[in-house]
Structure formats: C-alpha cells, structure tokens
Amino acid sequence: MKVDALLSELEQVAKGLSIRVSYEPLGGELGAGGLCKVKGEWRVIVDKRATPAERLSVLAQSMARFPVMEQQLSPELRELLQRTQGLRAKSGGP
C-alpha cells in the first residue's frame, strides 16, 4: 500500500477516535510535529512541509499511544502500527 493511502487511512482512524490532525508550518527546531492536548482535546500537529513519509511517521508514532488496534485497519496499517508500538516499547516511551 502506498504512503499516501496509509496516511489517509490513519487520518480517518484518528478522526474516528476524535483526535484532530492538522498540518501547519512549524519552526525548524520543532521537528516534524507530534501529539499534544489542546483545551482538553488530543491533537496531532504535523509540519505541512514534511514529506508524506514523514507525515505518516509522525502520525503513526502519535496514534500508537491510543487503542488503534481495536479499530478496523488494513493489514498494512496494522503492521506499521505494531512496528511503531514495538519501537516505543523498546525505547521506554509512554
């Protein structure tokens, strides 16, 4: 499955979990984006200048913190999220 298709699917999963995804210009040292909570609501902010692969990476890392495996996912997206969750567990991330 192509990066754009995975990104689109993951955006829909986020929407289904009431997690807002937005693409905004970010300053150079902030990286490509990440997860935050704004006024009590979860939000993933991604640098709009990021490549599709970078966007997918930021969104996958952010979404790996939520019960996304309970959602209906394509096999490719499920595998990506499992790898992402595995990397987070190895690094001791929350």
C-alpha atoms as a PDB file:
ATOM      1  CA  MET A   1       0.000   0.000   0.000  1.00  0.00           C
ATOM      2  CA  LYS A   2       1.297   3.458  -0.852  1.00  0.00           C
ATOM      3  CA  VAL A   3       2.301   6.016   1.784  1.00  0.00           C
ATOM      4  CA  ASP A   4      -0.496   8.407   0.776  1.00  0.00           C
ATOM      5  CA  ALA A   5      -3.123   5.674   1.187  1.00  0.00           C
ATOM      6  CA  LEU A   6      -1.763   4.670   4.609  1.00  0.00           C
ATOM      7  CA  LEU A   7      -1.686   8.305   5.679  1.00  0.00           C
ATOM      8  CA  SER A   8      -5.280   8.830   4.572  1.00  0.00           C
ATOM      9  CA  GLU A   9      -6.421   5.688   6.392  1.00  0.00           C
ATOM     10  CA  LEU A  10      -4.613   6.720   9.576  1.00  0.00           C
ATOM     11  CA  GLU A  11      -6.160  10.196   9.402  1.00  0.00           C
ATOM     12  CA  GLN A  12      -9.589   8.540   9.269  1.00  0.00           C
ATOM     13  CA  VAL A  13      -8.745   6.357  12.274  1.00  0.00           C
ATOM     14  CA  ALA A  14      -7.696   9.487  14.187  1.00  0.00           C
ATOM     15  CA  LYS A  15     -10.940  11.199  13.247  1.00  0.00           C
ATOM     16  CA  GLY A  16     -12.896   8.180  14.480  1.00  0.00           C
ATOM     17  CA  LEU A  17     -11.113   8.464  17.833  1.00  0.00           C
ATOM     18  CA  SER A  18     -11.840  12.227  17.995  1.00  0.00           C
ATOM     19  CA  ILE A  19      -8.167  13.090  17.562  1.00  0.00           C
ATOM     20  CA  ARG A  20      -7.743  16.186  15.433  1.00  0.00           C
ATOM     21  CA  VAL A  21      -4.972  16.095  12.821  1.00  0.00           C
ATOM     22  CA  SER A  22      -3.770  19.376  11.361  1.00  0.00           C
ATOM     23  CA  TYR A  23      -0.969  20.368   9.029  1.00  0.00           C
ATOM     24  CA  GLU A  24       0.681  23.649   9.933  1.00  0.00           C
ATOM     25  CA  PRO A  25       4.016  25.354   9.289  1.00  0.00           C
ATOM     26  CA  LEU A  26       6.326  24.562  12.198  1.00  0.00           C
ATOM     27  CA  GLY A  27       9.638  26.153  13.109  1.00  0.00           C
ATOM     28  CA  GLY A  28      12.846  24.330  12.183  1.00  0.00           C
ATOM     29  CA  GLU A  29      13.831  23.070  15.634  1.00  0.00           C
ATOM     30  CA  LEU A  30      10.397  21.707  16.499  1.00  0.00           C
ATOM     31  CA  GLY A  31      10.794  18.700  14.234  1.00  0.00           C
ATOM     32  CA  ALA A  32       8.049  17.357  12.005  1.00  0.00           C
ATOM     33  CA  GLY A  33       5.312  17.566  14.649  1.00  0.00           C
ATOM     34  CA  GLY A  34       3.687  15.417  17.274  1.00  0.00           C
ATOM     35  CA  LEU A  35       0.894  14.774  19.740  1.00  0.00           C
ATOM     36  CA  CYS A  36      -0.403  17.363  22.186  1.00  0.00           C
ATOM     37  CA  LYS A  37      -3.503  18.176  24.167  1.00  0.00           C
ATOM     38  CA  VAL A  38      -5.208  21.490  23.433  1.00  0.00           C
ATOM     39  CA  LYS A  39      -8.106  22.607  25.630  1.00  0.00           C
ATOM     40  CA  GLY A  40      -8.632  19.024  26.788  1.00  0.00           C
ATOM     41  CA  GLU A  41      -8.686  17.527  23.292  1.00  0.00           C
ATOM     42  CA  TRP A  42      -5.978  15.387  21.711  1.00  0.00           C
ATOM     43  CA  ARG A  43      -4.401  16.810  18.608  1.00  0.00           C
ATOM     44  CA  VAL A  44      -1.623  15.783  16.240  1.00  0.00           C
ATOM     45  CA  ILE A  45       0.103  18.724  14.608  1.00  0.00           C
ATOM     46  CA  VAL A  46       2.256  17.872  11.598  1.00  0.00           C
ATOM     47  CA  ASP A  47       4.570  20.196   9.700  1.00  0.00           C
ATOM     48  CA  LYS A  48       2.849  20.912   6.404  1.00  0.00           C
ATOM     49  CA  ARG A  49       6.256  20.974   4.698  1.00  0.00           C
ATOM     50  CA  ALA A  50       7.007  17.392   5.793  1.00  0.00           C
ATOM     51  CA  THR A  51       7.174  14.689   3.144  1.00  0.00           C
ATOM     52  CA  PRO A  52       4.309  12.172   3.025  1.00  0.00           C
ATOM     53  CA  ALA A  53       6.591   9.570   4.660  1.00  0.00           C
ATOM     54  CA  GLU A  54       7.471  11.995   7.482  1.00  0.00           C
ATOM     55  CA  ARG A  55       3.804  12.826   7.946  1.00  0.00           C
ATOM     56  CA  LEU A  56       2.958   9.133   8.184  1.00  0.00           C
ATOM     57  CA  SER A  57       5.751   8.584  10.694  1.00  0.00           C
ATOM     58  CA  VAL A  58       4.635  11.448  12.951  1.00  0.00           C
ATOM     59  CA  LEU A  59       1.018  10.372  12.823  1.00  0.00           C
ATOM     60  CA  ALA A  60       1.806   6.675  13.397  1.00  0.00           C
ATOM     61  CA  GLN A  61       4.016   7.484  16.396  1.00  0.00           C
ATOM     62  CA  SER A  62       1.307   9.699  17.854  1.00  0.00           C
ATOM     63  CA  MET A  63      -1.525   7.256  17.217  1.00  0.00           C
ATOM     64  CA  ALA A  64       0.423   4.324  18.686  1.00  0.00           C
ATOM     65  CA  ARG A  65      -0.461   5.746  22.132  1.00  0.00           C
ATOM     66  CA  PHE A  66      -4.163   5.072  21.593  1.00  0.00           C
ATOM     67  CA  PRO A  67      -6.222   1.855  21.251  1.00  0.00           C
ATOM     68  CA  VAL A  68      -5.995   1.886  17.471  1.00  0.00           C
ATOM     69  CA  MET A  69      -5.649  -1.896  17.177  1.00  0.00           C
ATOM     70  CA  GLU A  70      -9.291  -2.164  18.202  1.00  0.00           C
ATOM     71  CA  GLN A  71     -10.229  -0.306  15.007  1.00  0.00           C
ATOM     72  CA  GLN A  72     -10.790  -1.845  11.603  1.00  0.00           C
ATOM     73  CA  LEU A  73      -7.423  -1.445   9.853  1.00  0.00           C
ATOM     74  CA  SER A  74      -5.863  -2.599   6.633  1.00  0.00           C
ATOM     75  CA  PRO A  75      -3.194  -5.280   7.151  1.00  0.00           C
ATOM     76  CA  GLU A  76      -0.502  -2.818   6.043  1.00  0.00           C
ATOM     77  CA  LEU A  77      -1.545  -0.147   8.539  1.00  0.00           C
ATOM     78  CA  ARG A  78      -1.898  -2.709  11.331  1.00  0.00           C
ATOM     79  CA  GLU A  79       1.669  -3.907  10.647  1.00  0.00           C
ATOM     80  CA  LEU A  80       3.012  -0.328  10.613  1.00  0.00           C
ATOM     81  CA  LEU A  81       1.337   0.482  13.934  1.00  0.00           C
ATOM     82  CA  GLN A  82       2.561  -2.751  15.515  1.00  0.00           C
ATOM     83  CA  ARG A  83       6.136  -1.922  14.483  1.00  0.00           C
ATOM     84  CA  THR A  84       5.712   1.622  15.807  1.00  0.00           C
ATOM     85  CA  GLN A  85       4.346   0.381  19.128  1.00  0.00           C
ATOM     86  CA  GLY A  86       7.224  -2.106  19.338  1.00  0.00           C
ATOM     87  CA  LEU A  87       9.790   0.655  18.831  1.00  0.00           C
ATOM     88  CA  ARG A  88       8.120   2.785  21.508  1.00  0.00           C
ATOM     89  CA  ALA A  89       8.189  -0.134  23.951  1.00  0.00           C
ATOM     90  CA  LYS A  90      11.901  -0.782  23.300  1.00  0.00           C
ATOM     91  CA  SER A  91      12.754   2.884  23.832  1.00  0.00           C
ATOM     92  CA  GLY A  92      10.748   3.030  27.052  1.00  0.00           C
ATOM     93  CA  GLY A  93       8.382   5.647  25.629  1.00  0.00           C
ATOM     94  CA  PRO A  94       4.966   6.249  27.149  1.00  0.00           C
END
